[in-house]
Protein backbone atom coordinates (compact mmCIF):
# COMPACT_ATOMS: atom_id res chain seq x y z
CA MET A 1 20.42 9.18 -2.47
CA GLU A 2 18.70 10.23 -6.17
CA LYS A 3 16.75 7.32 -6.53
CA PHE A 4 16.44 3.56 -5.45
CA TYR A 5 17.97 0.25 -7.45
CA ASP A 6 14.58 -1.67 -6.92
CA ARG A 7 11.94 -2.42 -4.40
CA HIS A 8 14.12 -4.80 -2.61
CA ASP A 9 16.87 -2.11 -1.91
CA ALA A 10 13.95 0.82 -1.23
CA GLY A 11 12.98 -1.92 1.32
CA LYS A 12 16.56 -2.03 3.43
CA ILE A 13 16.46 1.82 3.32
CA LEU A 14 13.05 2.05 4.44
CA ALA A 15 13.69 -0.57 6.91
CA GLU A 16 16.43 1.58 9.21
CA GLU A 17 13.93 4.70 9.53
CA LEU A 18 11.87 2.17 11.11
CA LYS A 19 14.24 0.25 13.53
CA PRO A 20 12.51 1.49 16.18
CA TYR A 21 9.98 -1.05 15.85
CA ALA A 22 11.69 -4.01 15.47
CA ASN A 23 10.64 -6.81 17.55
CA ASN A 24 7.56 -5.31 18.33
CA ALA A 25 5.28 -8.32 19.37
CA ASN A 26 1.92 -5.91 18.82
CA ALA A 27 3.53 -4.91 15.15
CA ILE A 28 2.34 -5.91 11.83
CA VAL A 29 3.58 -4.86 8.45
CA LEU A 30 0.94 -4.80 5.69
CA ALA A 31 1.84 -4.36 2.23
CA LEU A 32 -0.49 -3.21 -1.02
CA PRO A 33 0.01 -5.84 -3.57
CA ARG A 34 1.46 -6.04 -5.93
CA GLY A 35 4.41 -3.29 -5.72
CA GLY A 36 4.27 -2.93 -2.17
CA VAL A 37 5.08 -6.78 -1.47
CA PRO A 38 9.11 -6.73 -2.26
CA VAL A 39 9.55 -3.67 -0.12
CA ALA A 40 7.55 -4.75 2.73
CA TYR A 41 9.36 -7.96 2.85
CA GLU A 42 12.59 -6.46 3.35
CA VAL A 43 10.76 -4.37 6.21
CA ALA A 44 9.16 -7.08 7.86
CA LYS A 45 12.53 -9.22 7.32
CA THR A 46 14.79 -6.30 9.10
CA LEU A 47 12.41 -5.59 12.36
CA SER A 48 11.33 -9.35 12.81
CA ILE A 49 7.67 -8.86 12.62
CA PRO A 50 4.73 -10.69 11.02
CA LEU A 51 3.97 -9.73 7.32
CA ASP A 52 0.11 -10.00 5.53
CA VAL A 53 -1.02 -7.98 2.58
CA PHE A 54 -3.75 -5.58 2.41
CA ILE A 55 -6.20 -5.49 -0.91
CA VAL A 56 -6.68 -1.59 -2.42
CA ARG A 57 -7.84 -1.18 -5.88
CA LYS A 58 -7.48 1.94 -7.75
CA LEU A 59 -10.61 3.13 -9.35
CA GLY A 60 -9.07 4.62 -12.66
CA VAL A 61 -11.17 6.89 -14.88
CA PRO A 62 -12.84 5.60 -17.88
CA GLY A 63 -10.16 6.41 -21.14
CA HIS A 64 -7.99 7.92 -18.28
CA GLU A 65 -6.86 4.55 -16.45
CA GLU A 66 -3.91 5.92 -15.18
CA LEU A 67 -5.86 8.74 -13.13
CA ALA A 68 -7.32 7.70 -9.92
CA MET A 69 -11.17 9.01 -9.33
CA GLY A 70 -10.94 7.03 -6.38
CA ALA A 71 -9.97 3.46 -4.54
CA ILE A 72 -11.53 0.51 -3.18
CA ALA A 73 -10.24 -1.90 -0.53
CA SER A 74 -10.91 -5.05 1.59
CA GLY A 75 -13.84 -4.45 3.57
CA ASP A 76 -16.12 -2.98 1.18
CA THR A 77 -14.37 0.98 1.23
CA VAL A 78 -14.53 3.03 -1.44
CA VAL A 79 -13.28 6.42 -1.36
CA PHE A 80 -13.55 9.03 -4.58
CA ASN A 81 -11.43 12.03 -5.42
CA GLU A 82 -14.43 14.27 -6.19
CA GLU A 83 -12.32 16.56 -7.74
CA ILE A 84 -11.39 14.27 -10.33
CA VAL A 85 -15.06 13.20 -10.56
CA SER A 86 -16.83 16.33 -11.46
CA SER A 87 -14.02 17.75 -13.27
CA PHE A 88 -14.70 14.36 -16.07
CA ASN A 89 -18.07 14.77 -15.34
CA ILE A 90 -18.22 10.80 -15.08
CA PRO A 91 -22.07 9.43 -14.93
CA ALA A 92 -22.64 7.14 -11.79
CA SER A 93 -23.44 4.04 -14.31
CA ALA A 94 -19.56 4.59 -15.35
CA ILE A 95 -18.26 4.73 -11.82
CA ASP A 96 -20.56 1.31 -11.08
CA SER A 97 -18.97 -0.10 -13.82
CA VAL A 98 -15.38 0.43 -12.88
CA ILE A 99 -15.82 -0.82 -8.92
CA GLN A 100 -17.27 -4.03 -10.18
CA SER A 101 -14.62 -4.85 -12.32
CA GLU A 102 -11.88 -3.75 -9.80
CA GLN A 103 -13.97 -5.56 -7.10
CA GLN A 104 -13.49 -8.73 -8.98
CA GLU A 105 -9.60 -8.21 -9.14
CA LEU A 106 -9.74 -7.57 -5.67
CA GLN A 107 -11.44 -10.69 -5.24
CA ARG A 108 -9.39 -12.60 -7.32
CA ARG A 109 -6.06 -11.35 -5.16
CA GLU A 110 -7.78 -12.10 -1.90
CA SER A 111 -8.15 -15.54 -2.99
CA THR A 112 -4.68 -15.77 -4.94
CA TYR A 113 -2.18 -13.86 -1.76
CA ARG A 114 -4.30 -15.01 1.27
CA ASP A 115 -6.21 -18.02 0.28
CA ASN A 116 -9.24 -16.61 1.53
CA ARG A 117 -8.17 -16.51 4.69
CA PRO A 118 -9.19 -13.54 7.55
CA LEU A 119 -6.70 -10.81 8.05
CA PRO A 120 -5.28 -10.93 11.12
CA ILE A 121 -6.70 -9.37 14.21
CA LEU A 122 -5.64 -6.00 14.06
CA THR A 123 -7.29 -4.34 17.13
CA ASP A 124 -5.15 -2.31 19.05
CA LYS A 125 -2.11 -3.18 16.63
CA THR A 126 0.40 -1.36 15.70
CA ILE A 127 0.36 -1.06 11.46
CA ILE A 128 3.19 -0.23 9.62
CA LEU A 129 1.53 0.41 6.02
CA VAL A 130 3.92 0.02 3.21
CA ASP A 131 3.95 0.78 -0.44
CA ASP A 132 6.61 1.34 -2.99
CA GLY A 133 5.49 4.69 -3.64
CA ILE A 134 2.52 7.34 -3.34
CA ALA A 135 1.51 8.65 -6.48
CA THR A 136 -2.23 10.24 -6.48
CA GLY A 137 -2.74 8.82 -2.73
CA ALA A 138 -5.77 7.39 -3.74
CA THR A 139 -5.07 3.84 -2.66
CA MET A 140 -3.39 4.71 0.40
CA ARG A 141 -6.45 7.09 1.62
CA ALA A 142 -8.51 3.75 0.77
CA ALA A 143 -6.83 1.70 3.00
CA ILE A 144 -6.10 3.64 5.70
CA LYS A 145 -10.13 4.49 5.77
CA ALA A 146 -10.73 0.68 6.03
CA LEU A 147 -7.93 -0.08 8.41
CA ARG A 148 -9.84 2.21 11.13
CA LYS A 149 -12.77 0.30 11.23
CA HIS A 150 -10.13 -2.22 12.94
CA LYS A 151 -9.44 -0.01 15.00
CA PRO A 152 -5.57 -0.29 15.18
CA ALA A 153 -3.36 1.33 17.89
CA ASP A 154 -1.67 3.47 15.52
CA ILE A 155 -1.45 3.23 11.72
CA ILE A 156 2.30 3.95 10.32
CA VAL A 157 2.59 5.08 6.30
CA ALA A 158 5.76 3.73 4.96
CA VAL A 159 6.77 4.22 1.69
CA PRO A 160 10.47 5.11 0.04
CA VAL A 161 8.81 7.91 -2.19
CA ALA A 162 6.51 10.40 -2.26
CA ALA A 163 5.92 14.01 -3.14
CA LEU A 164 6.41 16.21 -0.36
CA SER A 165 2.57 17.97 -0.60
CA THR A 166 1.48 14.12 -0.43
CA CYS A 167 3.59 13.30 2.67
CA GLU A 168 2.42 16.15 4.64
CA GLU A 169 -1.20 15.08 3.45
CA MET A 170 -1.03 11.51 4.69
CA ALA A 171 0.59 12.77 7.70
CA GLY A 172 -2.98 14.36 8.62
CA LEU A 173 -4.49 10.82 7.48
CA ALA A 174 -2.06 8.48 9.49
CA ASP A 175 -0.50 8.52 12.79
CA LYS A 176 3.02 8.86 11.13
CA ILE A 177 4.30 8.48 7.99
CA VAL A 178 7.56 7.43 7.03
CA CYS A 179 9.22 8.41 4.17
CA PRO A 180 12.94 8.69 3.09
CA LEU A 181 12.61 10.60 -0.40
CA LYS A 182 10.11 13.54 -0.62
CA PRO A 183 11.08 15.22 -4.27
CA VAL A 184 9.47 18.57 -4.78
CA ASN A 185 8.85 17.63 -8.49
CA PHE A 186 7.69 13.91 -8.02
CA TYR A 187 5.84 13.46 -11.43
CA ALA A 188 5.52 9.47 -11.09
CA VAL A 189 6.76 6.63 -8.85
CA GLY A 190 8.36 4.63 -11.24
CA LEU A 191 11.05 7.38 -11.67
CA TRP A 192 13.01 6.92 -8.38
CA TYR A 193 13.74 3.15 -9.26
CA GLU A 194 16.23 2.04 -11.58
CA ASN A 195 14.52 -1.17 -11.53
CA PHE A 196 10.95 -1.12 -11.53
CA SER A 197 9.71 -3.74 -13.68
CA GLN A 198 6.20 -5.25 -12.81
CA THR A 199 6.11 -7.49 -9.75
CA SER A 200 4.24 -11.03 -10.33
CA ASP A 201 1.30 -12.75 -8.37
CA ASP A 202 4.13 -15.58 -8.03
CA GLU A 203 6.77 -13.26 -6.49
CA VAL A 204 4.19 -11.77 -3.97
CA THR A 205 3.08 -15.36 -2.89
CA GLU A 206 6.94 -16.40 -2.50
CA LEU A 207 7.63 -13.72 -0.53
CA LEU A 208 4.79 -14.21 1.90
CA ALA A 209 5.46 -17.86 2.25
CA LYS A 210 9.16 -16.78 2.86
CA ALA A 211 8.06 -14.26 5.66
CA ASN A 212 5.61 -15.87 7.38
CA GLN A 213 8.20 -19.36 7.23
CA ALA A 214 10.85 -16.81 8.69
CA ILE A 215 8.67 -15.49 12.11
CA ASN A 216 7.30 -19.09 12.66
CA GLN A 217 10.95 -20.60 13.07
């Protein structure tokens, strides 16, 4: 397998490797929006377990926004890439400004996707944490750190693609990592998809509604 067609295709392939969790009443799929939601939808549908979202926002370096100096997650969790922060000599005021801006977007997404309802109870749950891939790992690290506060039984990081070195790093943070494609020369998540068009807010809310409807039938 050289690349995935789109996120739904990637989700179906990922779901095959997660079959041991099918129909597990103690498991939940949590997607990192937006790109992780179509992937997670296929996983949750195949495994017949609930789907929800967990909001995380990358903190981009001012002037180099594609480069993550850290990330924030629901529950006031912040993680920093200290190496990036120090190498760019980013002042505290600039970091605070980025955090404030991303916090507003995080809250907007909480309102849009979850209608501000609380997270389901995650204590003693098996969490399957899904994204469309891992680049720097900042958002995934923030999500894992935030979710640990809920004292789940396990956190399984499940992504279609990530660099081999990143998978090894995540294996030390999560209880398990499931990743079908682990290229040594990774470069960027989008390179491993034929179609990597942006996922919209409407698509996220539609897929969440479809997943909830299916699980409640």
